[in-house]
Protein backbone atom coordinates (compact mmCIF):
# COMPACT_ATOMS: atom_id res chain seq x y z
CA MET A 1 0.00 0.00 0.00
CA SER A 2 1.26 3.47 -0.84
CA LYS A 3 1.76 5.99 1.91
CA PRO A 4 -1.55 7.59 2.99
CA GLU A 5 -1.90 11.31 2.45
CA THR A 6 -0.70 13.24 5.50
CA THR A 7 -3.71 15.16 6.75
CA VAL A 8 -4.76 16.20 10.22
CA ALA A 9 -6.90 13.39 11.63
CA THR A 10 -10.54 14.39 12.06
CA ASN A 11 -12.09 14.20 15.51
CA PHE A 12 -15.51 15.83 15.78
CA LEU A 13 -15.45 15.51 19.59
CA ARG A 14 -12.51 17.88 20.14
CA PRO A 15 -14.48 21.08 19.45
CA ILE A 16 -17.37 19.78 21.58
CA VAL A 17 -15.10 19.20 24.57
CA GLN A 18 -13.34 22.53 24.03
CA ALA A 19 -16.66 24.40 23.90
CA ASP A 20 -17.88 22.72 27.10
CA LEU A 21 -14.70 23.77 28.91
CA ASP A 22 -14.73 27.31 27.46
CA SER A 23 -18.37 27.85 28.46
CA GLY A 24 -17.79 26.61 32.00
CA LYS A 25 -20.27 23.73 31.54
CA HIS A 26 -17.49 21.49 32.86
CA ALA A 27 -14.48 22.56 34.89
CA SER A 28 -12.58 19.49 33.69
CA ILE A 29 -13.19 16.51 31.46
CA VAL A 30 -13.84 12.99 32.78
CA THR A 31 -14.13 10.12 30.29
CA ARG A 32 -14.20 6.37 30.73
CA PHE A 33 -13.36 3.18 28.87
CA PRO A 34 -16.06 0.63 29.84
CA PRO A 35 -15.31 -2.86 28.47
CA GLU A 36 -17.37 -5.90 29.32
CA PRO A 37 -14.99 -8.56 30.74
CA ASN A 38 -16.34 -11.32 28.49
CA GLY A 39 -13.38 -11.59 26.10
CA TYR A 40 -10.08 -10.01 25.13
CA LEU A 41 -9.84 -6.52 23.66
CA HIS A 42 -9.59 -6.31 19.88
CA ILE A 43 -8.38 -3.70 17.39
CA GLY A 44 -11.79 -1.99 17.44
CA HIS A 45 -11.38 -1.36 21.16
CA ALA A 46 -8.03 0.33 20.42
CA LYS A 47 -9.90 3.14 18.66
CA SER A 48 -12.12 3.67 21.72
CA ILE A 49 -9.16 3.48 24.12
CA CYS A 50 -7.16 6.02 22.13
CA LEU A 51 -10.20 8.28 21.87
CA ASN A 52 -11.24 8.25 25.54
CA PHE A 53 -7.78 8.32 27.07
CA GLY A 54 -6.50 10.65 24.35
CA LEU A 55 -9.21 13.28 24.86
CA ALA A 56 -8.71 13.19 28.63
CA LYS A 57 -4.97 13.68 28.23
CA GLU A 58 -5.30 16.39 25.57
CA PHE A 59 -7.67 18.48 27.70
CA GLY A 60 -6.02 17.88 31.07
CA GLY A 61 -8.73 15.57 32.38
CA VAL A 62 -8.88 11.96 33.55
CA CYS A 63 -10.15 8.69 32.11
CA ASN A 64 -11.56 5.84 34.20
CA LEU A 65 -11.34 2.15 33.43
CA ARG A 66 -14.67 0.58 34.38
CA PHE A 67 -15.64 -3.02 33.80
CA ASP A 68 -19.34 -3.28 32.92
CA ASP A 69 -19.68 -6.62 34.65
CA THR A 70 -23.43 -7.30 34.66
CA ASN A 71 -23.38 -10.79 33.12
CA PRO A 72 -21.28 -13.08 35.34
CA ALA A 73 -22.11 -16.18 33.30
CA LYS A 74 -19.88 -14.91 30.47
CA GLU A 75 -17.24 -13.04 32.47
CA ASP A 76 -13.92 -14.17 33.87
CA GLN A 77 -10.96 -12.83 35.84
CA GLU A 78 -8.72 -13.86 32.92
CA TYR A 79 -10.45 -11.29 30.74
CA ILE A 80 -10.15 -8.58 33.40
CA ASP A 81 -6.40 -9.16 33.74
CA ALA A 82 -5.92 -9.21 29.96
CA ILE A 83 -7.87 -5.97 29.47
CA LYS A 84 -5.85 -4.14 32.11
CA SER A 85 -2.61 -5.40 30.57
CA ASP A 86 -3.67 -4.37 27.05
CA VAL A 87 -4.66 -0.83 28.07
CA GLN A 88 -1.31 -0.32 29.79
CA TRP A 89 0.62 -1.90 26.91
CA LEU A 90 -1.09 0.53 24.54
CA GLY A 91 0.42 3.32 26.63
CA PHE A 92 -2.42 4.52 28.85
CA GLN A 93 -3.12 4.57 32.58
CA TRP A 94 -6.56 5.01 34.10
CA ALA A 95 -7.35 7.34 36.99
CA GLY A 96 -7.05 5.65 40.39
CA GLU A 97 -8.03 2.00 40.76
CA GLU A 98 -9.99 0.20 38.11
CA ARG A 99 -13.72 0.38 38.69
CA TYR A 100 -16.52 -2.15 38.30
CA ALA A 101 -20.21 -1.63 37.62
CA SER A 102 -20.67 -4.23 40.36
CA ASP A 103 -19.24 -1.67 42.80
CA TYR A 104 -22.54 0.16 42.31
CA PHE A 105 -24.93 -2.80 42.60
CA ASP A 106 -26.28 -1.64 45.97
CA GLN A 107 -26.97 1.84 44.62
CA LEU A 108 -28.52 0.49 41.42
CA HIS A 109 -30.78 -1.76 43.48
CA ALA A 110 -31.87 1.23 45.56
CA TRP A 111 -32.60 3.19 42.38
CA ALA A 112 -34.65 0.27 41.03
CA ILE A 113 -36.77 0.45 44.18
CA HIS A 114 -37.05 4.22 43.65
CA LEU A 115 -38.56 3.59 40.20
CA ILE A 116 -40.99 1.01 41.59
CA GLU A 117 -42.13 3.40 44.31
CA ALA A 118 -42.60 6.14 41.70
CA GLY A 119 -44.80 3.80 39.65
CA LYS A 120 -42.21 3.67 36.87
CA ALA A 121 -41.13 0.04 37.15
CA TYR A 122 -42.93 -3.26 37.57
CA VAL A 123 -42.24 -6.98 37.92
CA CYS A 124 -43.24 -8.87 34.78
CA ASP A 125 -43.95 -12.61 34.61
CA LEU A 126 -43.83 -12.95 30.82
CA THR A 127 -41.40 -15.55 29.55
CA PRO A 128 -38.60 -14.24 27.30
CA GLU A 129 -40.48 -15.60 24.29
CA GLN A 130 -43.74 -13.93 25.35
CA ALA A 131 -41.92 -10.66 26.07
CA ARG A 132 -40.51 -10.63 22.53
CA GLU A 133 -43.98 -11.22 21.13
CA TYR A 134 -45.49 -8.39 23.20
CA ARG A 135 -42.68 -6.04 22.22
CA GLY A 136 -43.96 -5.61 18.68
CA SER A 137 -41.76 -4.78 15.70
CA LEU A 138 -40.28 -1.82 13.86
CA THR A 139 -43.60 -1.39 12.02
CA GLU A 140 -46.03 -2.45 14.77
CA PRO A 141 -46.36 -1.04 18.31
CA GLY A 142 -45.92 -3.30 21.29
CA ARG A 143 -48.65 -4.39 23.71
CA ASN A 144 -48.73 -3.75 27.42
CA SER A 145 -47.77 -6.68 29.60
CA PRO A 146 -50.71 -8.11 31.57
CA PHE A 147 -48.58 -7.49 34.68
CA ARG A 148 -47.91 -3.81 33.92
CA GLU A 149 -50.52 -2.45 36.34
CA ARG A 150 -49.44 -4.34 39.44
CA SER A 151 -49.55 -2.21 42.56
CA VAL A 152 -46.44 -0.62 44.01
CA SER A 153 -46.68 -2.85 47.08
CA GLU A 154 -46.96 -6.03 45.00
CA ASN A 155 -44.02 -5.00 42.83
CA LEU A 156 -41.90 -4.20 45.89
CA ASP A 157 -42.78 -7.58 47.41
CA LEU A 158 -42.01 -9.53 44.22
CA PHE A 159 -38.76 -7.65 43.61
CA ALA A 160 -37.63 -8.37 47.18
CA ARG A 161 -38.44 -12.05 46.66
CA MET A 162 -36.52 -12.01 43.37
CA LYS A 163 -33.50 -10.67 45.26
CA ALA A 164 -33.98 -13.30 47.97
CA GLY A 165 -33.68 -16.09 45.42
CA GLU A 166 -37.22 -17.45 45.56
CA PHE A 167 -37.66 -17.74 41.80
CA PRO A 168 -35.74 -19.62 39.11
CA ASP A 169 -33.80 -17.98 36.28
CA GLY A 170 -36.05 -16.26 33.76
CA ALA A 171 -39.24 -16.61 35.83
CA ARG A 172 -39.62 -12.86 36.37
CA ALA A 173 -37.96 -9.59 35.38
CA LEU A 174 -38.16 -6.02 36.57
CA ARG A 175 -39.08 -3.68 33.74
CA ALA A 176 -39.26 0.09 33.37
CA LYS A 177 -42.73 1.45 32.62
CA ILE A 178 -42.18 3.82 29.69
CA ASP A 179 -44.12 3.42 26.42
CA MET A 180 -44.91 0.17 24.61
CA ALA A 181 -46.01 2.18 21.55
CA SER A 182 -42.77 4.15 21.24
CA PRO A 183 -41.21 4.08 17.76
CA ASN A 184 -37.91 3.53 19.60
CA MET A 185 -37.87 -0.15 20.56
CA ASN A 186 -35.50 0.56 23.45
CA LEU A 187 -38.24 2.53 25.23
CA ARG A 188 -40.77 -0.30 25.14
CA ASP A 189 -40.59 -1.16 28.83
CA PRO A 190 -36.95 -2.30 28.86
CA ILE A 191 -35.68 -4.82 31.38
CA LEU A 192 -33.94 -3.44 34.47
CA TYR A 193 -33.20 -6.68 36.34
CA ARG A 194 -33.05 -10.35 35.41
CA ILE A 195 -32.88 -13.38 37.67
CA ARG A 196 -29.54 -15.15 37.26
CA HIS A 197 -28.34 -17.56 39.93
CA ALA A 198 -24.69 -17.14 39.00
CA HIS A 199 -21.50 -16.64 40.98
CA HIS A 200 -19.99 -13.22 40.29
CA HIS A 201 -16.22 -12.73 40.03
CA GLN A 202 -16.39 -9.58 42.18
CA THR A 203 -19.45 -9.92 44.41
CA GLY A 204 -19.45 -13.69 44.88
CA ASP A 205 -22.91 -15.08 45.69
CA LYS A 206 -24.37 -11.88 47.14
CA TRP A 207 -26.71 -11.35 44.19
CA CYS A 208 -28.98 -13.62 42.16
CA ILE A 209 -30.51 -10.68 40.26
CA TYR A 210 -28.35 -8.62 37.93
CA PRO A 211 -29.06 -5.24 36.32
CA SER A 212 -29.21 -4.89 32.56
CA TYR A 213 -26.46 -3.11 30.65
CA ASP A 214 -28.77 -0.20 29.77
CA PHE A 215 -29.81 0.32 33.38
CA THR A 216 -26.25 0.05 34.64
CA HIS A 217 -24.31 2.08 32.14
CA GLY A 218 -25.69 5.59 32.43
CA GLN A 219 -26.06 5.43 36.21
CA SER A 220 -22.44 4.24 36.55
CA ASP A 221 -21.41 7.22 34.41
CA ALA A 222 -23.40 9.52 36.71
CA ILE A 223 -21.85 8.07 39.88
CA GLU A 224 -18.36 8.60 38.46
CA GLY A 225 -19.10 12.14 37.27
CA ILE A 226 -18.39 11.30 33.62
CA THR A 227 -18.72 14.45 31.51
CA HIS A 228 -18.58 12.91 28.04
CA SER A 229 -19.88 9.37 27.71
CA ILE A 230 -18.48 8.27 24.35
CA CYS A 231 -19.71 5.10 22.67
CA THR A 232 -20.17 3.64 19.20
CA LEU A 233 -23.05 4.42 16.86
CA GLU A 234 -25.03 1.26 17.62
CA PHE A 235 -25.87 2.89 20.97
CA GLU A 236 -27.38 5.99 19.36
CA ASP A 237 -30.89 4.51 19.61
CA HIS A 238 -30.20 3.76 23.27
CA ARG A 239 -29.49 7.41 24.09
CA PRO A 240 -33.18 8.32 24.79
CA LEU A 241 -33.27 5.48 27.34
CA TYR A 242 -29.93 6.59 28.78
CA GLU A 243 -31.42 10.05 29.28
CA TRP A 244 -34.77 8.71 30.60
CA PHE A 245 -33.00 6.96 33.47
CA LEU A 246 -30.96 10.06 34.30
CA ASP A 247 -34.12 12.21 34.24
CA ASN A 248 -36.12 9.84 36.45
CA LEU A 249 -33.53 8.99 39.11
CA PRO A 250 -31.86 11.13 41.80
CA VAL A 251 -28.43 10.79 40.18
CA PRO A 252 -25.52 13.01 41.30
CA ALA A 253 -24.65 14.11 37.73
CA LYS A 254 -26.07 14.04 34.21
CA PRO A 255 -23.49 12.89 31.67
CA ARG A 256 -24.03 13.46 27.94
CA GLN A 257 -23.70 10.55 25.53
CA TYR A 258 -21.90 10.99 22.19
CA GLU A 259 -21.59 8.36 19.49
CA PHE A 260 -18.86 7.74 16.91
CA ALA A 261 -18.42 5.24 14.09
CA ARG A 262 -16.86 1.98 15.20
CA LEU A 263 -13.80 0.61 13.47
CA ASN A 264 -14.64 -1.87 10.72
CA LEU A 265 -11.49 -3.41 9.26
CA ASN A 266 -11.52 -5.61 6.18
CA TYR A 267 -10.11 -9.17 6.35
CA THR A 268 -10.94 -9.02 10.06
CA ILE A 269 -13.48 -10.35 12.56
CA THR A 270 -14.05 -8.30 15.73
CA SER A 271 -17.15 -9.96 17.15
CA LYS A 272 -16.13 -11.25 20.58
CA ARG A 273 -18.55 -14.14 20.20
CA LYS A 274 -16.87 -15.22 16.96
CA LEU A 275 -13.38 -14.62 18.32
CA LYS A 276 -14.28 -16.87 21.24
CA GLN A 277 -15.58 -19.46 18.79
CA LEU A 278 -12.23 -19.41 16.97
CA VAL A 279 -10.51 -20.06 20.30
CA ASP A 280 -12.94 -22.65 21.67
CA GLU A 281 -12.96 -24.66 18.44
CA LYS A 282 -9.16 -24.45 18.22
CA HIS A 283 -9.01 -22.77 14.82
CA VAL A 284 -6.31 -20.66 16.51
CA SER A 285 -3.99 -21.35 19.43
CA GLY A 286 -5.67 -18.91 21.84
CA TRP A 287 -6.84 -15.33 22.33
CA ASP A 288 -3.26 -14.15 21.76
CA ASP A 289 -2.70 -16.12 18.57
CA PRO A 290 -0.82 -13.68 16.29
CA ARG A 291 -3.50 -14.09 13.61
CA MET A 292 -6.26 -12.87 15.93
CA SER A 293 -7.56 -9.29 15.84
CA THR A 294 -7.07 -9.03 19.60
CA LEU A 295 -4.56 -6.54 20.99
CA SER A 296 -2.83 -9.51 22.66
CA GLY A 297 -2.57 -11.15 19.24
CA PHE A 298 -1.19 -8.01 17.60
CA ARG A 299 1.30 -7.65 20.45
CA ARG A 300 2.52 -11.22 20.05
CA ARG A 301 2.76 -10.73 16.30
CA GLY A 302 5.14 -7.82 16.86
CA TYR A 303 2.93 -4.78 16.44
CA THR A 304 4.05 -1.86 18.58
CA PRO A 305 1.78 0.31 20.74
CA ALA A 306 2.94 3.34 18.73
CA SER A 307 1.92 1.76 15.42
CA ILE A 308 -1.60 1.06 16.68
CA ARG A 309 -1.95 4.55 18.17
CA ASN A 310 -0.71 6.06 14.89
CA PHE A 311 -3.19 3.93 12.95
CA CYS A 312 -6.05 5.18 15.14
CA ASP A 313 -4.86 8.74 14.49
CA MET A 314 -4.79 8.13 10.73
CA ILE A 315 -8.38 6.87 10.52
CA GLY A 316 -9.76 9.71 12.65
CA VAL A 317 -13.02 9.91 14.63
CA ASN A 318 -16.30 10.69 12.91
CA ARG A 319 -19.90 9.56 12.66
CA ALA A 320 -19.67 8.17 9.14
CA GLY A 321 -19.44 4.41 8.95
CA GLY A 322 -17.30 2.52 6.47
CA VAL A 323 -14.64 -0.13 6.16
CA VAL A 324 -10.98 0.68 6.72
CA ASP A 325 -8.40 -1.10 4.58
CA ILE A 326 -6.17 -3.30 6.73
CA GLY A 327 -3.35 -2.06 4.51
CA MET A 328 -3.43 1.17 6.57
CA LEU A 329 -2.68 -0.79 9.73
CA GLU A 330 0.09 -2.70 7.95
CA PHE A 331 1.48 0.60 6.66
CA ALA A 332 1.58 1.94 10.23
CA ILE A 333 3.63 -1.00 11.53
CA ARG A 334 5.97 -1.03 8.51
CA GLU A 335 6.66 2.67 8.99
CA ASP A 336 7.38 2.19 12.70
CA LEU A 337 9.60 -0.87 12.28
CA ASP A 338 11.48 0.52 9.30
CA ALA A 339 12.58 3.40 11.52
CA ASN A 340 13.10 1.51 14.78
CA ALA A 341 13.73 -2.21 14.24
CA ALA A 342 17.32 -3.45 14.24
CA ARG A 343 18.49 -5.32 11.16
CA ALA A 344 19.60 -8.93 11.24
CA MET A 345 20.00 -11.87 8.88
CA CYS A 346 18.07 -15.10 9.08
CA VAL A 347 18.22 -17.95 6.57
CA LEU A 348 14.81 -19.62 6.39
CA LYS A 349 15.83 -22.58 4.23
CA PRO A 350 19.55 -23.12 4.85
CA LEU A 351 21.82 -24.31 2.07
CA LYS A 352 25.40 -24.93 3.12
CA VAL A 353 28.14 -23.13 1.18
CA VAL A 354 31.78 -24.16 1.37
CA ILE A 355 34.16 -21.42 0.19
CA THR A 356 36.91 -23.62 -1.14
CA ASN A 357 39.65 -20.99 -1.49
CA TYR A 358 39.09 -19.45 1.96
CA PRO A 359 41.82 -20.49 4.44
CA GLU A 360 40.77 -23.34 6.73
CA GLY A 361 40.54 -22.34 10.37
CA GLN A 362 40.48 -18.60 9.60
CA VAL A 363 37.67 -16.47 11.03
CA GLU A 364 37.03 -12.78 10.34
CA ASN A 365 34.71 -10.89 12.66
CA LEU A 366 32.84 -8.54 10.36
CA GLU A 367 31.00 -5.57 11.83
CA LEU A 368 27.64 -4.66 10.33
CA PRO A 369 25.42 -1.76 11.47
CA ARG A 370 22.34 -2.73 13.45
CA HIS A 371 20.41 -0.08 11.52
CA PRO A 372 21.30 1.71 8.27
CA LYS A 373 20.07 5.14 9.45
CA GLN A 374 19.83 5.03 13.25
CA ASP A 375 22.81 4.90 15.58
CA MET A 376 22.12 1.51 17.14
CA GLY A 377 25.70 0.32 17.15
CA VAL A 378 27.01 -2.73 15.33
CA ARG A 379 26.63 -6.47 15.45
CA VAL A 380 29.52 -8.89 14.86
CA LEU A 381 29.20 -11.57 12.20
CA PRO A 382 31.95 -14.23 12.03
CA PHE A 383 32.95 -15.09 8.46
CA SER A 384 34.78 -18.32 7.70
CA ARG A 385 35.03 -21.12 5.19
CA GLU A 386 31.48 -22.46 5.75
CA ILE A 387 28.31 -20.38 5.68
CA TYR A 388 24.59 -20.81 5.00
CA ILE A 389 22.58 -19.02 2.34
CA ASP A 390 18.91 -19.45 1.55
CA ALA A 391 18.20 -22.32 -0.85
CA SER A 392 16.00 -20.00 -2.94
CA ASP A 393 19.05 -17.83 -3.71
CA PHE A 394 20.60 -20.47 -6.00
CA GLU A 395 19.05 -21.70 -9.24
CA GLU A 396 20.68 -24.10 -11.69
CA VAL A 397 18.22 -23.01 -14.37
CA PRO A 398 17.35 -19.45 -13.41
CA PRO A 399 14.10 -17.76 -14.43
CA ALA A 400 14.22 -14.50 -16.37
CA GLY A 401 15.47 -11.58 -14.28
CA PHE A 402 17.03 -13.78 -11.57
CA LYS A 403 19.81 -11.73 -9.96
CA ARG A 404 21.08 -14.18 -7.39
CA LEU A 405 23.46 -17.09 -7.53
CA ILE A 406 23.68 -19.31 -10.63
CA PRO A 407 26.32 -21.79 -11.83
CA GLY A 408 29.42 -19.79 -12.65
CA GLY A 409 27.73 -16.58 -11.53
CA GLU A 410 28.63 -14.14 -8.76
CA VAL A 411 26.77 -12.39 -5.96
CA ARG A 412 27.81 -10.27 -3.02
CA LEU A 413 27.22 -11.57 0.47
CA ARG A 414 25.66 -8.77 2.52
CA GLY A 415 28.42 -6.85 4.31
CA SER A 416 31.03 -9.31 3.07
CA TYR A 417 32.76 -10.66 -0.05
CA VAL A 418 31.72 -11.47 -3.59
CA ILE A 419 31.47 -15.25 -4.16
CA ARG A 420 31.16 -17.36 -7.33
CA ALA A 421 29.21 -20.65 -7.56
CA ASP A 422 31.55 -23.33 -8.87
CA GLU A 423 29.79 -26.62 -8.09
CA ALA A 424 26.46 -27.89 -6.78
CA VAL A 425 26.69 -31.08 -4.66
CA LYS A 426 23.60 -33.30 -4.82
CA ASP A 427 22.28 -36.26 -2.86
CA GLU A 428 21.09 -39.55 -4.37
CA GLN A 429 17.67 -38.05 -5.14
CA GLY A 430 19.22 -35.18 -7.07
CA ASN A 431 18.55 -32.56 -4.41
CA ILE A 432 21.19 -29.86 -3.97
CA VAL A 433 22.65 -30.23 -0.48
CA GLU A 434 25.76 -28.08 -0.71
CA LEU A 435 27.38 -25.43 -2.88
CA ARG A 436 31.09 -25.13 -3.48
CA CYS A 437 32.06 -21.57 -4.14
CA SER A 438 35.12 -19.36 -4.32
CA TYR A 439 35.50 -15.82 -3.03
CA ASP A 440 37.30 -12.74 -4.29
CA GLU A 441 39.48 -11.64 -1.38
CA ASN A 442 39.71 -8.10 -2.74
CA THR A 443 35.97 -7.37 -2.55
CA LEU A 444 35.42 -6.74 1.16
CA GLY A 445 33.87 -3.26 1.10
CA ARG A 446 34.96 -2.79 -2.53
CA ASN A 447 33.55 -3.58 -5.93
CA PRO A 448 35.38 -6.23 -7.98
CA GLU A 449 37.63 -4.91 -10.70
CA GLY A 450 36.50 -5.11 -14.31
CA ARG A 451 33.03 -6.57 -13.67
CA LYS A 452 29.71 -5.59 -12.13
CA VAL A 453 27.93 -7.78 -9.58
CA LYS A 454 24.23 -6.96 -9.33
CA GLY A 455 22.91 -9.38 -6.75
CA VAL A 456 23.25 -9.11 -2.95
CA ILE A 457 22.09 -11.99 -0.77
CA HIS A 458 21.98 -12.59 2.97
CA TRP A 459 23.89 -15.30 4.82
CA VAL A 460 24.87 -16.54 8.27
CA PRO A 461 27.97 -18.35 9.51
CA ALA A 462 27.58 -22.12 9.64
CA ALA A 463 29.35 -22.74 12.96
CA GLU A 464 28.20 -19.75 14.99
CA SER A 465 24.65 -19.25 13.70
CA VAL A 466 21.75 -20.27 15.93
CA GLU A 467 19.03 -22.70 14.96
CA CYS A 468 15.58 -21.17 15.35
CA GLU A 469 11.94 -21.64 14.49
CA VAL A 470 10.24 -19.08 12.25
CA ARG A 471 6.49 -18.71 12.01
CA LEU A 472 5.22 -17.01 8.87
CA TYR A 473 1.89 -15.45 9.79
CA ASP A 474 -0.51 -14.07 7.23
CA ARG A 475 -4.08 -12.79 7.31
CA LEU A 476 -6.45 -15.23 9.01
CA PHE A 477 -9.19 -14.76 6.41
CA ARG A 478 -9.06 -15.05 2.63
CA SER A 479 -11.91 -12.65 1.97
CA ALA A 480 -12.05 -8.89 2.57
CA ASN A 481 -15.46 -9.52 4.14
CA PRO A 482 -15.07 -12.75 6.14
CA GLU A 483 -18.71 -12.61 7.23
CA LYS A 484 -19.87 -13.34 3.67
CA ASP A 485 -18.75 -16.62 2.20
CA GLU A 486 -19.37 -16.76 -1.55
CA GLU A 487 -20.79 -20.25 -1.25
CA GLY A 488 -23.11 -19.41 1.63
CA GLY A 489 -20.98 -20.82 4.42
CA SER A 490 -19.98 -19.23 7.73
CA PHE A 491 -17.03 -16.99 8.49
CA LEU A 492 -15.11 -20.17 9.39
CA ASP A 493 -15.22 -21.20 5.72
CA ASN A 494 -13.21 -18.06 4.92
CA ILE A 495 -10.23 -19.06 7.06
CA ASN A 496 -7.02 -18.82 5.06
CA PRO A 497 -5.32 -22.27 5.13
CA GLY A 498 -1.98 -20.54 4.53
CA SER A 499 -2.32 -18.13 7.45
CA LEU A 500 0.47 -19.93 9.33
CA VAL A 501 3.55 -21.69 7.96
CA VAL A 502 6.01 -23.00 10.55
CA LEU A 503 9.63 -23.35 9.46
CA THR A 504 12.05 -25.31 11.64
CA GLY A 505 15.80 -25.61 11.25
CA CYS A 506 16.18 -21.95 10.24
CA ARG A 507 19.47 -20.24 11.07
CA VAL A 508 19.83 -16.76 12.51
CA GLU A 509 22.98 -14.75 13.08
CA PRO A 510 24.68 -15.31 16.47
CA SER A 511 23.81 -11.88 17.89
CA LEU A 512 20.22 -13.10 18.27
CA ALA A 513 21.01 -16.22 20.31
CA ASN A 514 19.65 -14.77 23.55
CA VAL A 515 17.16 -12.33 22.11
CA VAL A 516 14.71 -10.74 24.52
CA SER A 517 11.03 -11.55 24.02
CA GLU A 518 9.19 -8.92 21.96
CA GLU A 519 12.46 -7.60 20.49
CA ARG A 520 11.72 -6.72 16.88
CA PHE A 521 13.93 -7.05 13.80
CA GLN A 522 13.94 -6.60 10.10
CA PHE A 523 15.27 -9.87 8.74
CA GLU A 524 16.91 -8.53 5.61
CA ARG A 525 15.00 -9.42 2.45
CA GLU A 526 12.45 -11.48 4.45
CA GLY A 527 10.26 -9.10 6.46
CA TYR A 528 9.77 -7.81 9.98
CA PHE A 529 9.87 -10.32 12.81
CA VAL A 530 9.52 -10.42 16.58
CA ALA A 531 10.87 -12.82 19.19
CA ASP A 532 7.81 -14.76 20.33
CA LEU A 533 6.48 -13.61 23.67
CA LYS A 534 5.62 -17.10 24.91
CA ASP A 535 7.81 -19.66 23.21
CA SER A 536 11.28 -18.13 22.88
CA GLN A 537 13.92 -19.54 25.22
CA PRO A 538 17.62 -18.63 25.67
CA GLY A 539 19.51 -20.25 22.82
CA LYS A 540 16.25 -21.47 21.22
CA PRO A 541 14.53 -18.41 19.78
CA VAL A 542 11.18 -18.46 18.00
CA PHE A 543 10.38 -15.60 15.63
CA ASN A 544 6.95 -14.53 14.42
CA ARG A 545 6.60 -12.62 11.17
CA THR A 546 4.89 -9.32 11.89
CA VAL A 547 4.49 -8.17 8.31
CA THR A 548 6.19 -8.59 4.96
CA LEU A 549 8.51 -5.89 3.64
CA ARG A 550 5.91 -4.88 1.05
CA ASP A 551 2.18 -5.24 0.64
CA SER A 552 2.09 -8.57 -1.20
CA TRP A 553 -1.74 -8.71 -1.00
CA GLY A 554 -2.17 -5.47 -2.88
CA GLN A 555 -0.07 -6.54 -5.84
């Protein structure tokens, strides 16, 4: 992908926040990032994180991290820990301790009683199926529940018995009494509390009724004094309900909700349900599989926090939907790693080369820069009689335009001498197992006299190089829209069978023997790679390909 045009990223919320501060409506800005702890964060969440934390930082305010933990059946401490880690890895820190909607369960319960006493909430005995039927449709109004006119005393009694655990899951629900004929479906007597006999990761077994997301969210914002409650456009139709609760409860503050377009990225799935399916059905190795769209997956693949923040800046913040080309994200990481990743050489498919006219037992320690433009120092590469090159860099019958090693031809070894291929040694099956070459001793740092050598190939020393495993990751899905399989199948039918190729027996230069996990490199001529966060061990490195040197998909 070519470099995107450099324009100032749009963010329609900046002038809104500035105007609120200038007018004195708010003395300072308070935002929040409110994930549900029912899965790992994905690239779409990165946009929300950068927006909420970024606005707070830009305008001298604070941003809370609040877990909207109202559905314990799908939540887990593993997800909480992963979310906290991802936010911090991305470069942000929330104000004070992390918060939980469950911290406010007592207050929410008291506010539910307030609505019952005001005649604005009732206990409904309709089954979930009956409730859907009574709700109506986009073209037809809903019908009042037969339990809508229960007395305040009866509703208080039933709600208390719900809390006491007298009824099974789904037997009753507490609903707001708003308007079953409203054109906005969210105002048709929405559920406030459901019965769920489930152990909660924060509150234990204290509760067997849990508030709905809609009832919890706005009131949690109010308790925390959130000034700008920023969410994605699918919550726009929920805003009237958000405001109804704030208007009908004695809340300490009245936040304002703003919506922005979520991030839709081609070749990518961001549904947490589908990401969990990929994990549970073992289509990937886990939530942090480098092919996943999770932040943990991008981290393990070698993406940097800066590249993801820069990507979020490039796409901007607006209310217009659309699909972003994943090439923009790949451009962001290429740009970052080109400037900041040290260079190294790794031979993916080693072919042994014996330099027959090089003195036996002699070793030269060649110094190569760790980066061509940055002052990162040098790395030492021993050069001796036996080296490895990549098997693809020699062809007995070369295709047109081949500028590497051929019988009788010459190439330059990167940072070293010019060599000539004299003989190819084969095994009984006719496979080339070794090359015998000669070198020109006068070509270290100099061009050979009287001839021009066009090709430059990478290499590693045979004795000192380190065996490693290299994992070539590619896009997980074949189609730009994985949700739509051309033959009518599911998103699973769009999985790219070539999304992971594992190469063993690769050889990397000795300076990478004890590489630190998450250290990133450009393997010359091969791409950008990272030492695997989980599987690398001292002396036994594993490298994941972050991205190719060029956009091979766009060609």
